[in-house]
C-alpha atoms as a PDB file:
ATOM      1  CA  MET A   1       9.048  -4.155 -24.491  1.00  0.00           C
ATOM      2  CA  ASP A   2       9.289  -1.372 -22.020  1.00  0.00           C
ATOM      3  CA  LYS A   3       5.729  -1.435 -21.248  1.00  0.00           C
ATOM      4  CA  PHE A   4       6.054  -4.454 -20.393  1.00  0.00           C
ATOM      5  CA  TYR A   5       8.216  -4.183 -17.781  1.00  0.00           C
ATOM      6  CA  LEU A   6       6.862  -0.960 -16.557  1.00  0.00           C
ATOM      7  CA  THR A   7       3.148  -3.496 -16.122  1.00  0.00           C
ATOM      8  CA  ILE A   8       5.290  -5.508 -14.486  1.00  0.00           C
ATOM      9  CA  ARG A   9       6.536  -3.184 -11.988  1.00  0.00           C
ATOM     10  CA  LYS A  10       2.906  -1.789 -10.887  1.00  0.00           C
ATOM     11  CA  ILE A  11       1.510  -4.907 -10.476  1.00  0.00           C
ATOM     12  CA  THR A  12       3.747  -6.537  -8.237  1.00  0.00           C
ATOM     13  CA  VAL A  13       4.135  -3.316  -5.764  1.00  0.00           C
ATOM     14  CA  ALA A  14       4.036  -4.670  -2.473  1.00  0.00           C
ATOM     15  CA  PRO A  15       0.360  -3.881  -1.420  1.00  0.00           C
ATOM     16  CA  ILE A  16      -0.845  -5.337  -4.710  1.00  0.00           C
ATOM     17  CA  ILE A  17       0.171  -8.797  -3.958  1.00  0.00           C
ATOM     18  CA  ALA A  18      -1.013  -8.219  -0.488  1.00  0.00           C
ATOM     19  CA  VAL A  19      -4.597  -7.295  -1.630  1.00  0.00           C
ATOM     20  CA  VAL A  20      -4.003 -10.236  -3.807  1.00  0.00           C
ATOM     21  CA  MET A  21      -3.121 -12.952  -1.304  1.00  0.00           C
ATOM     22  CA  LEU A  22      -6.431 -11.657   1.324  1.00  0.00           C
ATOM     23  CA  THR A  23      -8.316 -12.245  -1.545  1.00  0.00           C
ATOM     24  CA  VAL A  24      -7.107 -16.072  -2.094  1.00  0.00           C
ATOM     25  CA  PHE A  25      -6.842 -16.331   1.934  1.00  0.00           C
ATOM     26  CA  PHE A  26     -10.606 -14.928   1.928  1.00  0.00           C
ATOM     27  CA  ILE A  27     -11.291 -17.397  -1.139  1.00  0.00           C
ATOM     28  CA  LEU A  28      -9.643 -20.444  -0.146  1.00  0.00           C
ATOM     29  CA  ILE A  29      -9.245 -20.008   3.825  1.00  0.00           C
ATOM     30  CA  PRO A  30     -12.076 -18.096   5.041  1.00  0.00           C
ATOM     31  CA  GLU A  31     -11.440 -18.935   8.992  1.00  0.00           C
ATOM     32  CA  ILE A  32      -8.757 -16.621   9.071  1.00  0.00           C
ATOM     33  CA  PHE A  33     -11.003 -13.690   8.881  1.00  0.00           C
ATOM     34  CA  GLN A  34     -14.118 -13.776  11.766  1.00  0.00           C
ATOM     35  CA  SER A  35     -15.977 -10.926   9.354  1.00  0.00           C
ATOM     36  CA  ALA A  36     -16.286 -10.384   5.793  1.00  0.00           C
ATOM     37  CA  PHE A  37     -15.748  -6.727   7.845  1.00  0.00           C
ATOM     38  CA  MET A  38     -12.532  -7.724   9.178  1.00  0.00           C
ATOM     39  CA  TYR A  39     -11.337  -8.772   5.441  1.00  0.00           C
ATOM     40  CA  VAL A  40     -12.070  -5.419   4.475  1.00  0.00           C
ATOM     41  CA  LEU A  41     -10.339  -3.965   6.428  1.00  0.00           C
ATOM     42  CA  SER A  42      -7.305  -6.044   5.913  1.00  0.00           C
ATOM     43  CA  LEU A  43      -7.636  -4.360   2.165  1.00  0.00           C
ATOM     44  CA  PHE A  44      -7.998  -1.140   3.352  1.00  0.00           C
ATOM     45  CA  CYS A  45      -4.995  -1.521   5.846  1.00  0.00           C
ATOM     46  CA  LEU A  46      -2.558  -3.162   3.398  1.00  0.00           C
ATOM     47  CA  GLY A  47      -3.328  -2.363   0.552  1.00  0.00           C
ATOM     48  CA  VAL A  48      -5.094   0.904   0.314  1.00  0.00           C
ATOM     49  CA  LEU A  49      -3.305   2.900   3.161  1.00  0.00           C
ATOM     50  CA  PRO A  50       0.390   1.935   1.615  1.00  0.00           C
ATOM     51  CA  LEU A  51      -0.738   3.286  -1.860  1.00  0.00           C
ATOM     52  CA  LEU A  52      -1.281   6.371  -0.607  1.00  0.00           C
ATOM     53  CA  ALA A  53       2.017   7.235   0.225  1.00  0.00           C
ATOM     54  CA  TYR A  54       2.438   7.879  -4.028  1.00  0.00           C
ATOM     55  CA  PRO A  55      -0.507  10.852  -4.046  1.00  0.00           C
ATOM     56  CA  ILE A  56       0.211  12.484  -0.803  1.00  0.00           C
ATOM     57  CA  GLN A  57       3.575  12.316  -1.250  1.00  0.00           C
ATOM     58  CA  LYS A  58       3.386  15.507  -3.360  1.00  0.00           C
ATOM     59  CA  HIS A  59       1.011  17.150  -0.892  1.00  0.00           C
ATOM     60  CA  ILE A  60       3.197  17.105   2.108  1.00  0.00           C
ATOM     61  CA  PRO A  61       5.952  19.691   2.021  1.00  0.00           C
ATOM     62  CA  SER A  62       8.689  17.908   4.216  1.00  0.00           C
ATOM     63  CA  TYR A  63       8.638  14.723   1.147  1.00  0.00           C
ATOM     64  CA  LYS A  64       7.774  16.821  -1.881  1.00  0.00           C
ATOM     65  CA  ASN A  65      11.339  16.062  -2.850  1.00  0.00           C
ATOM     66  CA  LYS A  66      12.384  13.444  -1.436  1.00  0.00           C
ATOM     67  CA  GLY A  67      10.982  11.264  -4.720  1.00  0.00           C
ATOM     68  CA  ARG A  68      11.317   7.678  -4.149  1.00  0.00           C
ATOM     69  CA  ASP A  69      12.868   7.426  -0.632  1.00  0.00           C
ATOM     70  CA  GLY A  70      10.010  10.149   0.354  1.00  0.00           C
ATOM     71  CA  GLN A  71       7.690   7.715  -0.945  1.00  0.00           C
ATOM     72  CA  ARG A  72       8.379   4.054   1.145  1.00  0.00           C
ATOM     73  CA  THR A  73       9.297   6.475   4.197  1.00  0.00           C
ATOM     74  CA  LEU A  74       6.191   8.241   3.785  1.00  0.00           C
ATOM     75  CA  THR A  75       4.006   5.074   5.574  1.00  0.00           C
ATOM     76  CA  LEU A  76       1.576   4.881   8.131  1.00  0.00           C
ATOM     77  CA  PRO A  77       3.688   3.872  10.793  1.00  0.00           C
ATOM     78  CA  ASN A  78       6.503   6.266  10.049  1.00  0.00           C
ATOM     79  CA  LEU A  79       4.507   9.193   9.462  1.00  0.00           C
ATOM     80  CA  PRO A  80       3.413  10.023  13.419  1.00  0.00           C
ATOM     81  CA  LEU A  81       6.968   9.413  14.213  1.00  0.00           C
ATOM     82  CA  ASP A  82       8.024  12.158  11.448  1.00  0.00           C
ATOM     83  CA  GLY A  83       5.974  14.599  11.493  1.00  0.00           C
ATOM     84  CA  ILE A  84       4.178  16.366   8.522  1.00  0.00           C
ATOM     85  CA  LYS A  85       5.879  19.968   8.732  1.00  0.00           C
END
């Protein structure tokens, strides 16, 4: 049962939900996006970049030992403000 909960937890990470919703919008309401490039750019900015906080955290000394809180604060908008030390 723990594997089930872990799978649900991974699937419902906000960037994954964003990718799913963007894809649904792209299929059902394609006029939202000016082009396929805008769709891919949206996927990158809302899906890929936030997910990079997880593997990148262990390589930035100021976030290395902060655990889950470090991952939450290691977002694209906060990165220039916090600085990489």
